[in-house]
Amino acid sequence: MFIFASFNTIATMETNLTPEQSLKVIDDMIRQAKRSFHRISFYFLLWGVLLIAAMLAEYIMTRMGNPPHGASWGVAGIVGGVISSIHGAREGKREGASTAMDRVILWLWAAFVITMLITIVGYGVSGGGTPSGSIMVLTGLPTFVSGQLMRFKPLIVGGLLFWVLGAFSYFVDPGVITWLYIGAMLFGYVIPGYLLKRQEDGLRTA
């Protein structure tokens, strides 16, 4: 509702603005989004590494004849959630007052993490196999939206890659899913996260 209300407010403002003023409003929103994503590369790198590790752990346990039952995913989710919460709290104190865009981004990713954890637990309890395909599809949403808000093409491409490979994973053998998932995390999270970190470092030193 907050997002829709914000869009309605902007639309109302634009009816009373000149084209030049409307473009300035849009540019200000983009700059605010980029400020709101300050140091967000930490989360892409963290979750990318953790979720790749969870997939590899599941793959190794399966090859050793030990059904994983979602244990590696649960550990990755808990560790990532704790580290993200601590880091987010520290960053919140350091950055001070939050903007409307900060809150949009916060709840976008908070909703994603909650949905992902429910999905992981659901697969583990029901014994429905690996949740990697569903995780890829879910991950595409916040990644794509974040990339669009920032106008950061690596994240936009990463979000599309998650959707495509996630959908494809439902039609291939389990052994292939492992490498689809790792490829999606590498090119959708880790590499964009690294490129974003370089951009953030450049802004801090400029």
Protein backbone atom coordinates (compact mmCIF):
# COMPACT_ATOMS: atom_id res chain seq x y z
CA MET A 1 0.00 0.00 0.00
CA PHE A 2 2.85 2.37 0.84
CA ILE A 3 4.41 1.88 -2.59
CA PHE A 4 1.10 2.44 -4.40
CA ALA A 5 0.46 5.56 -2.33
CA SER A 6 3.91 6.88 -3.19
CA PHE A 7 3.31 6.31 -6.91
CA ASN A 8 -0.08 8.05 -6.70
CA THR A 9 1.52 11.01 -4.95
CA ILE A 10 4.20 11.26 -7.62
CA ALA A 11 1.59 11.03 -10.38
CA THR A 12 -0.42 13.85 -8.76
CA MET A 13 2.71 15.99 -8.46
CA GLU A 14 3.67 15.42 -12.08
CA THR A 15 0.32 16.78 -13.33
CA ASN A 16 1.33 20.16 -11.85
CA LEU A 17 4.97 20.09 -13.00
CA THR A 18 6.70 21.08 -16.21
CA PRO A 19 8.49 18.33 -18.17
CA GLU A 20 11.84 19.59 -16.84
CA GLN A 21 10.59 19.51 -13.25
CA SER A 22 9.16 16.02 -13.74
CA LEU A 23 12.52 14.76 -14.99
CA LYS A 24 14.19 16.32 -11.95
CA VAL A 25 11.76 14.49 -9.62
CA ILE A 26 12.58 11.18 -11.33
CA ASP A 27 16.34 11.86 -11.15
CA ASP A 28 16.03 12.72 -7.45
CA MET A 29 14.22 9.42 -6.84
CA ILE A 30 16.96 7.48 -8.62
CA ARG A 31 19.66 9.24 -6.60
CA GLN A 32 17.72 8.48 -3.41
CA ALA A 33 17.49 4.83 -4.43
CA LYS A 34 21.25 4.68 -4.99
CA ARG A 35 21.88 6.26 -1.60
CA SER A 36 19.47 3.78 -0.04
CA PHE A 37 21.47 0.92 -1.56
CA HIS A 38 24.67 2.19 0.07
CA ARG A 39 26.81 -0.83 0.97
CA ILE A 40 24.05 -3.26 -0.09
CA SER A 41 26.72 -5.22 -1.95
CA PHE A 42 27.47 -6.85 1.42
CA TYR A 43 24.14 -8.68 1.31
CA PHE A 44 24.52 -9.90 -2.26
CA LEU A 45 27.99 -11.27 -1.55
CA LEU A 46 26.93 -12.78 1.79
CA TRP A 47 23.82 -14.56 0.53
CA GLY A 48 25.47 -15.55 -2.73
CA VAL A 49 28.31 -17.33 -0.91
CA LEU A 50 26.01 -18.89 1.73
CA LEU A 51 23.48 -20.23 -0.77
CA ILE A 52 26.16 -21.61 -3.07
CA ALA A 53 27.70 -23.33 -0.04
CA ALA A 54 24.29 -24.78 0.89
CA MET A 55 23.84 -26.17 -2.63
CA LEU A 56 27.33 -27.69 -2.67
CA ALA A 57 26.81 -29.22 0.79
CA GLU A 58 23.54 -30.80 -0.37
CA TYR A 59 25.23 -32.10 -3.52
CA ILE A 60 28.12 -33.65 -1.56
CA MET A 61 25.82 -35.27 1.01
CA THR A 62 23.65 -36.72 -1.76
CA ARG A 63 26.69 -38.15 -3.54
CA MET A 64 27.81 -39.73 -0.25
CA GLY A 65 24.41 -41.41 0.13
CA ASN A 66 23.23 -39.22 3.00
CA PRO A 67 19.88 -37.53 2.24
CA PRO A 68 20.35 -33.88 3.34
CA HIS A 69 16.68 -33.21 4.30
CA GLY A 70 17.25 -29.47 3.84
CA ALA A 71 19.75 -29.17 6.70
CA SER A 72 22.29 -27.15 4.70
CA TRP A 73 19.58 -24.72 3.55
CA GLY A 74 18.36 -24.24 7.11
CA VAL A 75 21.88 -23.51 8.36
CA ALA A 76 22.51 -21.06 5.52
CA GLY A 77 19.20 -19.31 6.19
CA ILE A 78 19.84 -18.95 9.93
CA VAL A 79 23.44 -17.81 9.55
CA GLY A 80 22.54 -15.36 6.78
CA GLY A 81 19.57 -14.01 8.72
CA VAL A 82 21.62 -13.40 11.88
CA ILE A 83 24.55 -11.77 10.07
CA SER A 84 22.22 -9.64 7.91
CA SER A 85 20.29 -8.45 10.97
CA ILE A 86 23.44 -7.48 12.87
CA HIS A 87 24.97 -5.73 9.86
CA GLY A 88 21.70 -3.96 9.05
CA ALA A 89 21.32 -2.70 12.62
CA ARG A 90 24.86 -1.31 12.60
CA GLU A 91 24.36 0.36 9.23
CA GLY A 92 21.06 1.85 10.40
CA LYS A 93 22.74 3.49 13.38
CA ARG A 94 25.59 4.75 11.22
CA GLU A 95 23.39 6.19 8.45
CA GLY A 96 20.85 7.84 10.77
CA ALA A 97 17.34 8.79 9.59
CA SER A 98 15.78 6.61 6.90
CA THR A 99 14.07 7.81 3.74
CA ALA A 100 10.92 6.51 2.07
CA MET A 101 13.10 4.60 -0.40
CA ASP A 102 15.03 3.04 2.51
CA ARG A 103 11.77 1.62 3.85
CA VAL A 104 10.67 0.32 0.44
CA ILE A 105 13.99 -1.49 0.02
CA LEU A 106 14.00 -2.77 3.60
CA TRP A 107 10.56 -4.35 3.35
CA LEU A 108 11.18 -5.67 -0.17
CA TRP A 109 14.17 -7.70 1.02
CA ALA A 110 12.65 -8.53 4.42
CA ALA A 111 9.60 -9.99 2.65
CA PHE A 112 11.89 -11.97 0.34
CA VAL A 113 13.93 -13.44 3.21
CA ILE A 114 10.78 -14.44 5.12
CA THR A 115 9.28 -16.05 2.00
CA MET A 116 12.54 -17.86 1.25
CA LEU A 117 12.85 -19.22 4.80
CA ILE A 118 9.24 -20.46 4.73
CA THR A 119 9.95 -22.16 1.39
CA ILE A 120 13.11 -23.83 2.73
CA VAL A 121 11.35 -25.06 5.88
CA GLY A 122 8.38 -26.26 3.84
CA TYR A 123 10.57 -28.34 1.55
CA GLY A 124 12.45 -29.76 4.53
CA VAL A 125 9.32 -30.74 6.48
CA SER A 126 7.49 -32.21 3.51
CA GLY A 127 10.51 -34.01 2.10
CA GLY A 128 9.76 -32.43 -1.27
CA GLY A 129 13.36 -32.51 -2.50
CA THR A 130 15.68 -29.59 -3.14
CA PRO A 131 14.17 -26.08 -2.91
CA SER A 132 16.83 -24.65 -5.24
CA GLY A 133 14.46 -24.12 -8.19
CA SER A 134 11.91 -22.27 -6.09
CA ILE A 135 14.65 -20.23 -4.42
CA MET A 136 15.95 -19.14 -7.84
CA VAL A 137 12.48 -18.03 -8.96
CA LEU A 138 11.87 -16.16 -5.69
CA THR A 139 15.29 -14.52 -5.78
CA GLY A 140 14.62 -13.10 -9.23
CA LEU A 141 11.96 -10.71 -7.90
CA PRO A 142 13.92 -8.56 -5.39
CA THR A 143 17.06 -8.75 -7.53
CA PHE A 144 15.28 -7.47 -10.64
CA VAL A 145 13.37 -4.75 -8.74
CA SER A 146 16.56 -3.61 -6.97
CA GLY A 147 18.38 -3.39 -10.28
CA GLN A 148 15.56 -1.34 -11.81
CA LEU A 149 15.42 1.04 -8.84
CA MET A 150 19.16 1.63 -9.10
CA ARG A 151 19.31 1.40 -12.89
CA PHE A 152 22.15 -1.08 -12.32
CA LYS A 153 22.21 -3.45 -15.30
CA PRO A 154 24.15 -6.35 -13.69
CA LEU A 155 21.34 -6.78 -11.14
CA ILE A 156 18.63 -6.46 -13.78
CA VAL A 157 20.32 -9.18 -15.85
CA GLY A 158 20.84 -11.21 -12.66
CA GLY A 159 17.13 -11.07 -11.84
CA LEU A 160 16.20 -12.23 -15.34
CA LEU A 161 18.78 -15.02 -15.11
CA PHE A 162 17.26 -16.25 -11.83
CA TRP A 163 13.81 -16.44 -13.42
CA VAL A 164 14.98 -18.22 -16.57
CA LEU A 165 17.22 -20.77 -14.87
CA GLY A 166 14.74 -21.25 -12.03
CA ALA A 167 11.93 -22.06 -14.46
CA PHE A 168 14.23 -24.32 -16.50
CA SER A 169 15.27 -26.23 -13.36
CA TYR A 170 11.78 -27.73 -13.02
CA PHE A 171 12.29 -29.69 -16.25
CA VAL A 172 15.81 -31.12 -15.84
CA ASP A 173 17.48 -33.88 -13.83
CA PRO A 174 18.43 -33.11 -10.19
CA GLY A 175 22.13 -33.33 -11.03
CA VAL A 176 21.78 -30.54 -13.58
CA ILE A 177 19.87 -28.34 -11.12
CA THR A 178 22.96 -28.10 -8.92
CA TRP A 179 25.00 -26.40 -11.62
CA LEU A 180 22.11 -24.24 -12.84
CA TYR A 181 21.69 -22.99 -9.28
CA ILE A 182 25.39 -22.31 -8.73
CA GLY A 183 25.57 -20.50 -12.08
CA ALA A 184 22.53 -18.38 -11.20
CA MET A 185 23.95 -17.43 -7.80
CA LEU A 186 27.37 -16.68 -9.24
CA PHE A 187 26.19 -14.50 -12.13
CA GLY A 188 23.04 -13.17 -10.43
CA TYR A 189 24.39 -12.39 -6.96
CA VAL A 190 28.14 -12.71 -6.48
CA ILE A 191 29.41 -10.97 -9.63
CA PRO A 192 26.82 -8.13 -9.51
CA GLY A 193 27.59 -7.80 -5.78
CA TYR A 194 31.28 -7.47 -6.52
CA LEU A 195 30.65 -4.89 -9.26
CA LEU A 196 28.34 -2.99 -6.93
CA LYS A 197 30.99 -3.00 -4.20
CA ARG A 198 33.48 -1.48 -6.62
CA GLN A 199 30.93 1.22 -7.46
CA GLU A 200 30.29 1.90 -3.77
CA ASP A 201 34.02 2.10 -3.05
CA GLY A 202 34.38 4.56 -5.92
CA LEU A 203 31.60 6.77 -4.52
CA ARG A 204 33.19 6.79 -1.07
CA THR A 205 36.60 7.81 -2.42
CA ALA A 206 35.24 10.38 -4.92
